[in-house]
């Protein structure tokens, strides 16, 4: 659910079709960061 939310936000901000591709990449990277943070919290 997190990745989809990020993708929607970036798509809304970017009106240019070419920017959508970049938005997807960024959304995935942000989702990865969130997962990493959650894993770190579990370890703590």
PDB file of N, CA and C in Angstrom:
ATOM      1  N   UNK A   1       0.842  -1.210   0.000  1.00  0.00           N
ATOM      2  CA  UNK A   1       0.000   0.000   0.000  1.00  0.00           C
ATOM      3  C   UNK A   1       0.876   1.260   0.000  1.00  0.00           C
ATOM      4  N   UNK A   2       1.995   1.225   0.719  1.00  0.00           N
ATOM      5  CA  UNK A   2       2.866   2.411   0.755  1.00  0.00           C
ATOM      6  C   UNK A   2       3.357   2.806  -0.637  1.00  0.00           C
ATOM      7  N   UNK A   3       3.904   1.863  -1.435  1.00  0.00           N
ATOM      8  CA  UNK A   3       4.389   2.222  -2.781  1.00  0.00           C
ATOM      9  C   UNK A   3       3.302   2.888  -3.615  1.00  0.00           C
ATOM     10  N   UNK A   4       2.077   2.319  -3.583  1.00  0.00           N
ATOM     11  CA  UNK A   4       0.991   2.873  -4.402  1.00  0.00           C
ATOM     12  C   UNK A   4       0.697   4.311  -3.975  1.00  0.00           C
ATOM     13  N   UNK A   5       0.688   4.572  -2.668  1.00  0.00           N
ATOM     14  CA  UNK A   5       0.393   5.926  -2.190  1.00  0.00           C
ATOM     15  C   UNK A   5       1.437   6.903  -2.717  1.00  0.00           C
ATOM     16  N   UNK A   6       2.716   6.515  -2.623  1.00  0.00           N
ATOM     17  CA  UNK A   6       3.791   7.403  -3.091  1.00  0.00           C
ATOM     18  C   UNK A   6       3.661   7.644  -4.581  1.00  0.00           C
ATOM     19  N   UNK A   7       3.368   6.578  -5.350  1.00  0.00           N
ATOM     20  CA  UNK A   7       3.241   6.712  -6.808  1.00  0.00           C
ATOM     21  C   UNK A   7       2.132   7.706  -7.136  1.00  0.00           C
ATOM     22  N   UNK A   8       1.009   7.614  -6.448  1.00  0.00           N
ATOM     23  CA  UNK A   8      -0.118   8.518  -6.724  1.00  0.00           C
ATOM     24  C   UNK A   8       0.303   9.963  -6.478  1.00  0.00           C
ATOM     25  N   UNK A   9       0.957  10.216  -5.361  1.00  0.00           N
ATOM     26  CA  UNK A   9       1.372  11.585  -5.043  1.00  0.00           C
ATOM     27  C   UNK A   9       2.293  12.135  -6.134  1.00  0.00           C
ATOM     28  N   UNK A  10       3.283  11.364  -6.520  1.00  0.00           N
ATOM     29  CA  UNK A  10       4.238  11.846  -7.523  1.00  0.00           C
ATOM     30  C   UNK A  10       3.558  12.056  -8.862  1.00  0.00           C
ATOM     31  N   UNK A  11       2.649  11.145  -9.238  1.00  0.00           N
ATOM     32  CA  UNK A  11       1.950  11.299 -10.515  1.00  0.00           C
ATOM     33  C   UNK A  11       1.139  12.592 -10.524  1.00  0.00           C
ATOM     34  N   UNK A  12       0.475  12.904  -9.414  1.00  0.00           N
ATOM     35  CA  UNK A  12      -0.331  14.129  -9.349  1.00  0.00           C
ATOM     36  C   UNK A  12       0.564  15.360  -9.507  1.00  0.00           C
ATOM     37  N   UNK A  13       1.717  15.342  -8.853  1.00  0.00           N
ATOM     38  CA  UNK A  13       2.615  16.502  -8.932  1.00  0.00           C
ATOM     39  C   UNK A  13       3.190  16.660 -10.334  1.00  0.00           C
ATOM     40  N   UNK A  14       3.509  15.543 -11.012  1.00  0.00           N
ATOM     41  CA  UNK A  14       4.143  15.617 -12.334  1.00  0.00           C
ATOM     42  C   UNK A  14       3.085  15.523 -13.423  1.00  0.00           C
ATOM     43  N   UNK A  15       2.903  16.605 -14.168  1.00  0.00           N
ATOM     44  CA  UNK A  15       1.933  16.608 -15.268  1.00  0.00           C
ATOM     45  C   UNK A  15       2.573  16.105 -16.562  1.00  0.00           C
ATOM     46  N   UNK A  16       3.908  16.112 -16.631  1.00  0.00           N
ATOM     47  CA  UNK A  16       4.601  15.691 -17.863  1.00  0.00           C
ATOM     48  C   UNK A  16       4.642  14.163 -17.939  1.00  0.00           C
ATOM     49  N   UNK A  17       4.246  13.570 -19.082  1.00  0.00           N
ATOM     50  CA  UNK A  17       4.246  12.102 -19.236  1.00  0.00           C
ATOM     51  C   UNK A  17       5.616  11.502 -18.953  1.00  0.00           C
ATOM     52  N   UNK A  18       6.680  12.152 -19.430  1.00  0.00           N
ATOM     53  CA  UNK A  18       8.035  11.624 -19.221  1.00  0.00           C
ATOM     54  C   UNK A  18       8.395  11.580 -17.740  1.00  0.00           C
ATOM     55  N   UNK A  19       7.857  12.517 -16.954  1.00  0.00           N
ATOM     56  CA  UNK A  19       8.193  12.580 -15.531  1.00  0.00           C
ATOM     57  C   UNK A  19       7.569  11.411 -14.772  1.00  0.00           C
ATOM     58  N   UNK A  20       6.504  10.840 -15.319  1.00  0.00           N
ATOM     59  CA  UNK A  20       5.821   9.736 -14.630  1.00  0.00           C
ATOM     60  C   UNK A  20       6.791   8.578 -14.405  1.00  0.00           C
ATOM     61  N   UNK A  21       7.627   8.277 -15.417  1.00  0.00           N
ATOM     62  CA  UNK A  21       8.585   7.179 -15.278  1.00  0.00           C
ATOM     63  C   UNK A  21       9.508   7.432 -14.089  1.00  0.00           C
ATOM     64  N   UNK A  22      10.033   8.645 -14.008  1.00  0.00           N
ATOM     65  CA  UNK A  22      10.920   8.988 -12.894  1.00  0.00           C
ATOM     66  C   UNK A  22      10.166   8.894 -11.567  1.00  0.00           C
ATOM     67  N   UNK A  23       8.914   9.314 -11.563  1.00  0.00           N
ATOM     68  CA  UNK A  23       8.134   9.291 -10.336  1.00  0.00           C
ATOM     69  C   UNK A  23       8.015   7.858  -9.820  1.00  0.00           C
ATOM     70  N   UNK A  24       7.819   6.906 -10.742  1.00  0.00           N
ATOM     71  CA  UNK A  24       7.706   5.510 -10.313  1.00  0.00           C
ATOM     72  C   UNK A  24       9.000   5.054  -9.640  1.00  0.00           C
ATOM     73  N   UNK A  25      10.130   5.408 -10.241  1.00  0.00           N
ATOM     74  CA  UNK A  25      11.414   5.009  -9.661  1.00  0.00           C
ATOM     75  C   UNK A  25      11.565   5.610  -8.269  1.00  0.00           C
ATOM     76  N   UNK A  26      11.276   6.905  -8.145  1.00  0.00           N
ATOM     77  CA  UNK A  26      11.415   7.576  -6.848  1.00  0.00           C
ATOM     78  C   UNK A  26      10.492   6.932  -5.819  1.00  0.00           C
ATOM     79  N   UNK A  27       9.264   6.633  -6.231  1.00  0.00           N
ATOM     80  CA  UNK A  27       8.307   6.050  -5.304  1.00  0.00           C
ATOM     81  C   UNK A  27       8.851   4.730  -4.759  1.00  0.00           C
ATOM     82  N   UNK A  28       9.437   3.913  -5.651  1.00  0.00           N
ATOM     83  CA  UNK A  28       9.974   2.631  -5.195  1.00  0.00           C
ATOM     84  C   UNK A  28      11.130   2.850  -4.226  1.00  0.00           C
ATOM     85  N   UNK A  29      12.006   3.797  -4.529  1.00  0.00           N
ATOM     86  CA  UNK A  29      13.140   4.050  -3.649  1.00  0.00           C
ATOM     87  C   UNK A  29      12.638   4.505  -2.271  1.00  0.00           C
ATOM     88  N   UNK A  30      11.650   5.408  -2.259  1.00  0.00           N
ATOM     89  CA  UNK A  30      11.100   5.885  -0.986  1.00  0.00           C
ATOM     90  C   UNK A  30      10.496   4.724  -0.206  1.00  0.00           C
ATOM     91  N   UNK A  31       9.778   3.827  -0.897  1.00  0.00           N
ATOM     92  CA  UNK A  31       9.166   2.684  -0.223  1.00  0.00           C
ATOM     93  C   UNK A  31      10.260   1.809   0.379  1.00  0.00           C
ATOM     94  N   UNK A  32      11.368   1.619  -0.373  1.00  0.00           N
ATOM     95  CA  UNK A  32      12.471   0.814   0.145  1.00  0.00           C
ATOM     96  C   UNK A  32      13.026   1.434   1.422  1.00  0.00           C
ATOM     97  N   UNK A  33      13.174   2.762   1.425  1.00  0.00           N
ATOM     98  CA  UNK A  33      13.699   3.449   2.609  1.00  0.00           C
ATOM     99  C   UNK A  33      12.769   3.203   3.799  1.00  0.00           C
ATOM    100  N   UNK A  34      11.467   3.278   3.572  1.00  0.00           N
ATOM    101  CA  UNK A  34      10.512   3.061   4.660  1.00  0.00           C
ATOM    102  C   UNK A  34      10.658   1.646   5.200  1.00  0.00           C
ATOM    103  N   UNK A  35      10.769   0.657   4.298  1.00  0.00           N
ATOM    104  CA  UNK A  35      10.910  -0.735   4.735  1.00  0.00           C
ATOM    105  C   UNK A  35      12.194  -0.888   5.549  1.00  0.00           C
ATOM    106  N   UNK A  36      13.286  -0.255   5.079  1.00  0.00           N
ATOM    107  CA  UNK A  36      14.542  -0.344   5.816  1.00  0.00           C
ATOM    108  C   UNK A  36      14.380   0.236   7.214  1.00  0.00           C
ATOM    109  N   UNK A  37      13.736   1.391   7.323  1.00  0.00           N
ATOM    110  CA  UNK A  37      13.541   2.025   8.626  1.00  0.00           C
ATOM    111  C   UNK A  37      12.732   1.107   9.542  1.00  0.00           C
ATOM    112  N   UNK A  38      11.682   0.488   9.000  1.00  0.00           N
ATOM    113  CA  UNK A  38      10.856  -0.403   9.816  1.00  0.00           C
ATOM    114  C   UNK A  38      11.699  -1.581  10.296  1.00  0.00           C
ATOM    115  N   UNK A  39      12.546  -2.135   9.405  1.00  0.00           N
ATOM    116  CA  UNK A  39      13.394  -3.258   9.802  1.00  0.00           C
ATOM    117  C   UNK A  39      14.328  -2.836  10.926  1.00  0.00           C
ATOM    118  N   UNK A  40      14.922  -1.641  10.781  1.00  0.00           N
ATOM    119  CA  UNK A  40      15.835  -1.145  11.818  1.00  0.00           C
ATOM    120  C   UNK A  40      15.090  -1.035  13.149  1.00  0.00           C
ATOM    121  N   UNK A  41      13.866  -0.529  13.104  1.00  0.00           N
ATOM    122  CA  UNK A  41      13.089  -0.382  14.340  1.00  0.00           C
ATOM    123  C   UNK A  41      12.873  -1.747  14.984  1.00  0.00           C
ATOM    124  N   UNK A  42      12.579  -2.765  14.153  1.00  0.00           N
ATOM    125  CA  UNK A  42      12.371  -4.107  14.709  1.00  0.00           C
ATOM    126  C   UNK A  42      13.644  -4.594  15.397  1.00  0.00           C
ATOM    127  N   UNK A  43      14.796  -4.335  14.775  1.00  0.00           N
ATOM    128  CA  UNK A  43      16.056  -4.769  15.372  1.00  0.00           C
ATOM    129  C   UNK A  43      16.275  -4.069  16.704  1.00  0.00           C
ATOM    130  N   UNK A  44      15.975  -2.775  16.754  1.00  0.00           N
ATOM    131  CA  UNK A  44      16.148  -2.020  18.001  1.00  0.00           C
ATOM    132  C   UNK A  44      15.239  -2.610  19.077  1.00  0.00           C
TER     133      UNK A  44
END
